[in-house]
């Protein structure tokens, strides 16, 4: 049993440093505060998981592209730090299905920057997803503007009504 002089120290990850380390005393209501903070940081709010998949297509210079990695990166820095990033790979028809951080084919609502990478072998074939580009002698073939959230021209709003997106990239 706890007595009034006992305390419990709790460490919480992914919260600002000002609230990472809290000292709780029995009966102080501190535990309820910590639980509320943890719920707030866990993804509640404007980013809720959808029960449907997010899909789309990618073309480069008007042609479907196979083996292009597509990343949905939240514009909200707290959600980005929490790992709410979606990833998909295009098939031969240029189509992709986004996966959430757990590898499931459902995703979150909210605003996202969309970035792309595409590695090819010397003969222009996409690097298989099972290989590291460096192991296959691959090179990045997309312009830098598509690879970083700060430079990408693509920002999308994912919602229950909008889950399919098309992206037209240019090789130059």
Protein backbone atom coordinates (compact mmCIF):
# COMPACT_ATOMS: atom_id res chain seq x y z
CA UNK A 1 0.00 0.00 0.00
CA UNK A 2 1.05 3.55 -0.58
CA UNK A 3 1.40 6.00 2.22
CA UNK A 4 1.18 9.78 1.87
CA UNK A 5 4.98 10.07 1.76
CA UNK A 6 5.44 7.56 -1.08
CA UNK A 7 5.79 8.71 -4.67
CA UNK A 8 5.90 7.08 -8.06
CA UNK A 9 8.11 8.39 -10.83
CA UNK A 10 6.75 7.84 -14.35
CA UNK A 11 8.70 8.34 -17.56
CA UNK A 12 6.66 8.97 -20.68
CA UNK A 13 8.15 8.95 -24.18
CA UNK A 14 7.23 11.24 -27.07
CA UNK A 15 6.04 14.08 -24.91
CA UNK A 16 7.77 17.44 -24.59
CA UNK A 17 10.67 17.39 -22.16
CA UNK A 18 8.71 19.59 -19.75
CA UNK A 19 6.23 16.75 -19.10
CA UNK A 20 8.40 13.66 -19.69
CA UNK A 21 9.23 13.15 -16.04
CA UNK A 22 6.41 13.56 -13.55
CA UNK A 23 6.33 12.81 -9.84
CA UNK A 24 2.99 11.39 -8.75
CA UNK A 25 1.69 11.20 -5.21
CA UNK A 26 -1.29 9.04 -4.24
CA UNK A 27 -4.54 10.98 -4.17
CA UNK A 28 -3.08 13.96 -6.08
CA UNK A 29 -4.95 13.28 -9.31
CA UNK A 30 -1.61 13.13 -11.11
CA UNK A 31 -2.20 9.66 -12.52
CA UNK A 32 -5.37 10.86 -14.27
CA UNK A 33 -3.41 13.79 -15.71
CA UNK A 34 -0.71 11.46 -17.04
CA UNK A 35 -3.32 9.20 -18.65
CA UNK A 36 -4.94 12.21 -20.35
CA UNK A 37 -1.56 13.37 -21.66
CA UNK A 38 -0.79 9.89 -22.96
CA UNK A 39 -4.14 9.72 -24.77
CA UNK A 40 -3.56 13.14 -26.32
CA UNK A 41 -0.13 12.11 -27.57
CA UNK A 42 -1.24 8.72 -28.84
CA UNK A 43 -2.98 9.93 -31.95
CA UNK A 44 -6.34 11.22 -30.80
CA UNK A 45 -7.49 14.45 -32.38
CA UNK A 46 -7.55 15.42 -36.03
CA UNK A 47 -5.67 12.26 -37.09
CA UNK A 48 -7.97 9.33 -36.55
CA UNK A 49 -7.51 6.00 -38.23
CA UNK A 50 -9.80 5.35 -41.17
CA UNK A 51 -11.52 2.03 -41.63
CA UNK A 52 -10.68 2.11 -45.31
CA UNK A 53 -7.50 1.99 -47.34
CA UNK A 54 -5.80 4.92 -49.01
CA UNK A 55 -4.94 4.24 -52.65
CA UNK A 56 -3.57 6.09 -55.60
CA UNK A 57 -1.52 6.15 -58.74
CA UNK A 58 1.79 7.67 -59.82
CA UNK A 59 2.96 8.58 -63.30
CA UNK A 60 6.33 9.91 -64.40
CA UNK A 61 6.22 11.96 -67.59
CA UNK A 62 2.68 10.68 -68.18
CA UNK A 63 3.55 6.97 -67.90
CA UNK A 64 2.70 4.61 -65.02
CA UNK A 65 5.74 3.87 -62.90
CA UNK A 66 6.58 0.61 -61.14
CA UNK A 67 8.67 0.48 -57.95
CA UNK A 68 8.20 4.08 -56.83
CA UNK A 69 7.98 4.48 -53.05
CA UNK A 70 5.21 6.83 -51.90
CA UNK A 71 5.30 8.40 -48.42
CA UNK A 72 2.50 10.33 -46.68
CA UNK A 73 4.15 12.52 -44.01
CA UNK A 74 1.91 14.49 -41.62
CA UNK A 75 2.17 18.27 -41.70
CA UNK A 76 1.63 18.25 -37.93
CA UNK A 77 5.12 17.87 -36.41
CA UNK A 78 3.80 16.08 -33.30
CA UNK A 79 2.15 13.42 -35.47
CA UNK A 80 5.32 13.15 -37.57
CA UNK A 81 7.40 12.60 -34.42
CA UNK A 82 4.89 9.98 -33.26
CA UNK A 83 5.50 7.97 -36.45
CA UNK A 84 2.21 8.58 -38.26
CA UNK A 85 3.77 8.06 -41.69
CA UNK A 86 2.23 6.02 -44.49
CA UNK A 87 4.18 4.13 -47.13
CA UNK A 88 3.27 2.39 -50.36
CA UNK A 89 4.96 1.09 -53.54
CA UNK A 90 3.65 1.33 -57.05
CA UNK A 91 2.96 -1.77 -59.12
CA UNK A 92 3.39 -2.12 -62.92
CA UNK A 93 0.22 -0.05 -63.47
CA UNK A 94 1.53 2.74 -61.21
CA UNK A 95 -1.04 1.92 -58.48
CA UNK A 96 -0.28 1.86 -54.75
CA UNK A 97 -2.03 1.05 -51.47
CA UNK A 98 -0.79 2.94 -48.44
CA UNK A 99 0.21 1.04 -45.29
CA UNK A 100 0.17 2.51 -41.80
CA UNK A 101 3.20 2.24 -39.48
CA UNK A 102 1.99 -1.21 -38.32
CA UNK A 103 1.99 -2.53 -41.90
CA UNK A 104 -1.82 -2.59 -42.12
CA UNK A 105 -3.66 -1.30 -45.18
CA UNK A 106 -5.68 1.31 -43.28
CA UNK A 107 -4.53 4.84 -42.65
CA UNK A 108 -5.20 8.10 -40.83
CA UNK A 109 -7.16 11.20 -41.73
CA UNK A 110 -5.49 14.62 -41.82
CA UNK A 111 -3.16 16.72 -43.94
CA UNK A 112 -0.03 15.10 -45.40
CA UNK A 113 2.94 16.06 -47.55
CA UNK A 114 3.55 13.38 -50.16
CA UNK A 115 7.12 12.44 -51.12
CA UNK A 116 8.50 9.91 -53.57
CA UNK A 117 11.67 7.94 -54.22
CA UNK A 118 12.52 5.66 -57.13
CA UNK A 119 15.76 3.72 -57.46
CA UNK A 120 16.75 2.07 -60.72
CA UNK A 121 19.50 -0.24 -61.88
CA UNK A 122 21.90 0.93 -64.59
CA UNK A 123 19.64 -0.55 -67.26
CA UNK A 124 16.61 1.46 -66.04
CA UNK A 125 14.75 -1.28 -64.17
CA UNK A 126 13.30 -0.61 -60.71
CA UNK A 127 15.17 -2.06 -57.75
CA UNK A 128 13.14 -4.94 -56.23
CA UNK A 129 11.62 -4.04 -52.87
CA UNK A 130 13.51 -6.92 -51.27
CA UNK A 131 16.90 -5.37 -52.10
CA UNK A 132 18.76 -2.36 -50.78
CA UNK A 133 19.42 0.13 -53.60
CA UNK A 134 23.12 0.26 -52.67
CA UNK A 135 23.40 -3.55 -52.95
CA UNK A 136 21.90 -3.49 -56.45
CA UNK A 137 23.96 -0.54 -57.71
CA UNK A 138 20.81 1.56 -57.83
CA UNK A 139 20.56 5.28 -58.25
CA UNK A 140 17.80 7.72 -57.33
CA UNK A 141 16.14 8.90 -60.54
CA UNK A 142 13.59 11.43 -59.28
CA UNK A 143 14.39 15.11 -58.84
CA UNK A 144 15.17 16.23 -55.28
CA UNK A 145 11.94 18.26 -55.07
CA UNK A 146 9.90 15.05 -54.79
CA UNK A 147 11.97 13.51 -51.99
CA UNK A 148 11.64 15.99 -49.12
CA UNK A 149 8.53 17.27 -47.31
CA UNK A 150 9.87 20.84 -47.46
CA UNK A 151 10.17 20.81 -51.25
CA UNK A 152 7.43 18.47 -52.47
CA UNK A 153 4.67 20.18 -54.46
CA UNK A 154 2.12 17.64 -53.16
CA UNK A 155 -0.02 18.18 -50.07
CA UNK A 156 -3.21 16.13 -49.63
CA UNK A 157 -6.08 15.97 -47.17
CA UNK A 158 -7.06 12.38 -46.34
CA UNK A 159 -10.64 11.97 -45.13
CA UNK A 160 -13.42 9.40 -45.17
CA UNK A 161 -14.61 11.03 -48.41
CA UNK A 162 -11.18 11.37 -50.06
CA UNK A 163 -8.98 8.26 -50.06
CA UNK A 164 -7.77 7.95 -53.66
CA UNK A 165 -5.04 10.22 -55.06
CA UNK A 166 -3.22 10.63 -58.39
CA UNK A 167 0.25 12.12 -58.69
CA UNK A 168 1.87 13.24 -61.96
CA UNK A 169 5.66 13.53 -61.57
CA UNK A 170 8.18 14.85 -64.06
CA UNK A 171 11.62 13.29 -64.51
CA UNK A 172 13.32 16.64 -65.03
